[in-house]
Amino acid sequence: TVEKDKDPVAAAAEAVRRALAEAKAGRGRCVASVDSGEAIVRELTLPFKAEDQLRKTVTFELESQLHVAIDELVVDHFKTGETETGASVLAVAVPKKSITHKLKVLEAAGVDPLAIDLDMAALFATFEKTGAILADDSFLIVCGTSRFTKILLVEARKPRSLRTIRFSFPTKDDVAREADER
């Protein structure tokens, strides 16, 4: 929680320092994540397979589908599959101001992240690196936060689709409050 009169960046930086200290984690090798609820995600099919061609095309293709100026966004993609004539990608656009804010907080906490990843992509990578994905079977990774519920479809050991829903599961306090109101 942020104190009323405290600078939100300073308060968040203090929370990061405290969390790192409690976890006895260093500040050197860190990857930060961006909440996928802040991202615009689109599934695109493009007439190219080569990564360099996809990288050049994704931003252009995404621009026509967005209600935000493309120069206000950081755009990235993940290749999810190939067709006979091209490739399917998950294109992700995150407002630069969200990333800038995250970097200010981390800088104030003395943390210089090696990279910034989308939270659900980082969660998928964790599943993948720890061997939790054992077969090519399809499954969902579901993550609930205080603001969003995120659902990542995994098929053949690759992320295929990501949805973020403005819905959060009730907390114990919510449930208790509702019971008291009855």
Protein backbone atom coordinates (compact mmCIF):
# COMPACT_ATOMS: atom_id res chain seq x y z
CA THR A 1 0.00 0.00 0.00
CA VAL A 2 1.09 3.54 -0.77
CA GLU A 3 0.95 6.14 1.98
CA LYS A 4 -1.28 9.09 1.10
CA ASP A 5 1.44 11.76 1.05
CA LYS A 6 4.30 9.58 -0.23
CA ASP A 7 5.55 9.81 -3.81
CA PRO A 8 4.17 6.71 -5.60
CA VAL A 9 7.48 6.00 -7.37
CA ALA A 10 9.39 6.19 -4.08
CA ALA A 11 6.82 4.02 -2.34
CA ALA A 12 6.92 1.40 -5.11
CA ALA A 13 10.74 1.47 -5.13
CA GLU A 14 10.75 0.88 -1.37
CA ALA A 15 8.40 -2.09 -1.86
CA VAL A 16 10.77 -3.53 -4.51
CA ARG A 17 13.80 -3.09 -2.20
CA ARG A 18 11.90 -4.73 0.66
CA ALA A 19 10.77 -7.65 -1.51
CA LEU A 20 14.31 -8.25 -2.78
CA ALA A 21 15.70 -8.09 0.76
CA GLU A 22 13.08 -10.52 2.10
CA ALA A 23 13.77 -12.92 -0.75
CA LYS A 24 17.53 -12.46 -0.26
CA ALA A 25 17.72 -11.79 -3.99
CA GLY A 26 20.35 -9.71 -5.68
CA ARG A 27 19.63 -6.73 -7.87
CA GLY A 28 22.06 -7.67 -10.63
CA ARG A 29 20.36 -10.33 -12.72
CA CYS A 30 16.74 -9.28 -12.93
CA VAL A 31 14.04 -9.40 -15.57
CA ALA A 32 11.07 -7.11 -15.00
CA SER A 33 7.58 -7.79 -16.22
CA VAL A 34 4.78 -5.66 -17.57
CA ASP A 35 1.19 -6.50 -16.68
CA SER A 36 -0.42 -7.97 -19.80
CA GLY A 37 -3.55 -6.08 -18.76
CA GLU A 38 -1.73 -2.95 -19.92
CA ALA A 39 -0.93 -4.48 -23.30
CA ILE A 40 -2.82 -4.61 -26.54
CA VAL A 41 -2.53 -8.14 -27.94
CA ARG A 42 -3.49 -9.18 -31.46
CA GLU A 43 -3.18 -12.44 -33.33
CA LEU A 44 -1.84 -11.76 -36.83
CA THR A 45 -1.23 -13.97 -39.85
CA LEU A 46 1.51 -12.58 -42.07
CA PRO A 47 2.78 -13.69 -45.50
CA PHE A 48 6.35 -14.17 -44.23
CA LYS A 49 8.18 -16.82 -42.23
CA ALA A 50 11.59 -15.23 -41.71
CA GLU A 51 12.02 -13.45 -38.36
CA ASP A 52 13.57 -10.32 -39.88
CA GLN A 53 10.59 -9.89 -42.25
CA LEU A 54 8.10 -10.49 -39.42
CA ARG A 55 9.85 -7.92 -37.21
CA LYS A 56 9.66 -5.29 -39.98
CA THR A 57 5.99 -6.00 -40.73
CA VAL A 58 4.34 -6.50 -37.31
CA THR A 59 4.34 -2.83 -36.31
CA PHE A 60 2.91 -1.76 -39.67
CA GLU A 61 0.17 -4.42 -39.57
CA LEU A 62 -0.69 -3.68 -35.96
CA GLU A 63 -0.95 0.08 -36.53
CA SER A 64 -4.12 -0.25 -38.61
CA GLN A 65 -5.85 -2.20 -35.81
CA LEU A 66 -5.14 0.16 -32.92
CA HIS A 67 -6.84 3.22 -31.51
CA VAL A 68 -3.53 4.53 -30.12
CA ALA A 69 -0.71 6.19 -32.05
CA ILE A 70 1.93 3.54 -32.78
CA ASP A 71 4.76 5.89 -31.75
CA GLU A 72 3.34 5.87 -28.19
CA LEU A 73 3.80 2.10 -27.98
CA VAL A 74 6.56 -0.46 -27.71
CA VAL A 75 5.72 -3.31 -30.08
CA ASP A 76 7.01 -6.87 -29.98
CA HIS A 77 5.81 -10.26 -31.19
CA PHE A 78 6.08 -13.98 -30.67
CA LYS A 79 5.87 -16.40 -33.59
CA THR A 80 3.17 -18.96 -32.75
CA GLY A 81 3.20 -21.08 -35.88
CA GLU A 82 3.71 -21.34 -39.61
CA THR A 83 1.37 -21.89 -42.52
CA GLU A 84 2.27 -22.87 -46.09
CA THR A 85 2.50 -19.22 -47.06
CA GLY A 86 3.54 -17.40 -43.88
CA ALA A 87 3.45 -17.26 -40.11
CA SER A 88 1.10 -16.59 -37.22
CA VAL A 89 2.24 -14.23 -34.48
CA LEU A 90 1.02 -12.81 -31.21
CA ALA A 91 1.69 -9.09 -31.56
CA VAL A 92 1.93 -7.11 -28.33
CA ALA A 93 1.89 -3.33 -27.90
CA VAL A 94 2.56 -1.72 -24.51
CA PRO A 95 2.33 2.03 -23.86
CA LYS A 96 5.79 3.56 -23.55
CA LYS A 97 4.59 5.46 -20.47
CA SER A 98 3.93 2.13 -18.67
CA ILE A 99 7.44 0.92 -19.40
CA THR A 100 8.96 4.29 -18.50
CA HIS A 101 7.13 4.26 -15.15
CA LYS A 102 8.30 0.70 -14.42
CA LEU A 103 11.90 1.65 -15.25
CA LYS A 104 11.72 4.74 -12.98
CA VAL A 105 10.56 2.58 -10.07
CA LEU A 106 13.28 0.00 -10.68
CA GLU A 107 15.96 2.68 -11.04
CA ALA A 108 14.85 4.25 -7.74
CA ALA A 109 15.13 0.77 -6.17
CA GLY A 110 18.65 0.34 -7.55
CA VAL A 111 17.63 -2.34 -10.04
CA ASP A 112 18.75 -2.35 -13.69
CA PRO A 113 16.74 -5.11 -15.41
CA LEU A 114 18.35 -7.19 -18.13
CA ALA A 115 15.02 -7.21 -19.99
CA ILE A 116 11.35 -6.43 -19.65
CA ASP A 117 8.90 -9.17 -20.52
CA LEU A 118 5.14 -9.48 -20.57
CA ASP A 119 4.04 -11.18 -17.33
CA MET A 120 2.29 -14.07 -19.07
CA ALA A 121 5.27 -14.61 -21.39
CA ALA A 122 7.52 -14.75 -18.33
CA LEU A 123 5.15 -17.20 -16.66
CA PHE A 124 5.15 -19.37 -19.80
CA ALA A 125 8.97 -19.27 -19.91
CA THR A 126 9.04 -20.40 -16.27
CA PHE A 127 6.74 -23.34 -17.07
CA GLU A 128 8.92 -24.19 -20.06
CA LYS A 129 12.32 -23.89 -18.33
CA THR A 130 11.25 -25.89 -15.27
CA GLY A 131 9.96 -28.79 -17.37
CA ALA A 132 6.34 -28.28 -16.36
CA ILE A 133 5.23 -28.59 -19.99
CA LEU A 134 5.54 -32.33 -20.51
CA ALA A 135 3.60 -32.99 -23.68
CA ASP A 136 2.21 -31.36 -26.80
CA ASP A 137 -1.28 -31.39 -25.27
CA SER A 138 -3.17 -28.09 -25.22
CA PHE A 139 -3.72 -26.40 -21.88
CA LEU A 140 -4.43 -23.01 -20.32
CA ILE A 141 -2.29 -20.98 -17.95
CA VAL A 142 -4.66 -18.83 -15.90
CA CYS A 143 -3.39 -16.02 -13.69
CA GLY A 144 -5.65 -13.87 -11.54
CA THR A 145 -4.55 -10.50 -10.16
CA SER A 146 -6.36 -7.74 -8.32
CA ARG A 147 -7.35 -6.13 -11.63
CA PHE A 148 -7.25 -8.76 -14.37
CA THR A 149 -7.65 -12.43 -15.12
CA LYS A 150 -5.21 -13.54 -17.82
CA ILE A 151 -5.54 -16.68 -19.89
CA LEU A 152 -2.77 -18.04 -22.07
CA LEU A 153 -3.55 -20.90 -24.46
CA VAL A 154 -0.61 -23.22 -24.99
CA GLU A 155 -0.66 -25.71 -27.90
CA ALA A 156 2.19 -27.97 -28.96
CA ARG A 157 4.40 -26.37 -26.28
CA LYS A 158 3.96 -22.84 -27.71
CA PRO A 159 1.82 -19.90 -26.62
CA ARG A 160 -0.98 -19.52 -29.16
CA SER A 161 -3.41 -16.97 -27.76
CA LEU A 162 -3.58 -14.55 -24.85
CA ARG A 163 -6.68 -12.92 -23.38
CA THR A 164 -6.87 -10.46 -20.53
CA ILE A 165 -10.24 -9.93 -18.89
CA ARG A 166 -11.02 -7.06 -16.53
CA PHE A 167 -12.16 -9.40 -13.81
CA SER A 168 -10.56 -10.34 -10.55
CA PHE A 169 -11.36 -13.13 -8.18
CA PRO A 170 -12.81 -12.02 -4.84
CA THR A 171 -10.38 -11.79 -1.94
CA LYS A 172 -11.06 -13.30 1.49
CA ASP A 173 -12.02 -9.79 2.65
CA ASP A 174 -14.52 -9.44 -0.22
CA VAL A 175 -16.10 -12.77 0.65
CA ALA A 176 -16.27 -11.90 4.37
CA ARG A 177 -17.76 -8.47 3.62
CA GLU A 178 -20.39 -10.03 1.36
CA ALA A 179 -21.26 -12.60 4.05
CA ASP A 180 -21.64 -9.80 6.62
CA GLU A 181 -23.98 -7.90 4.30
CA ARG A 182 -26.34 -10.89 4.05
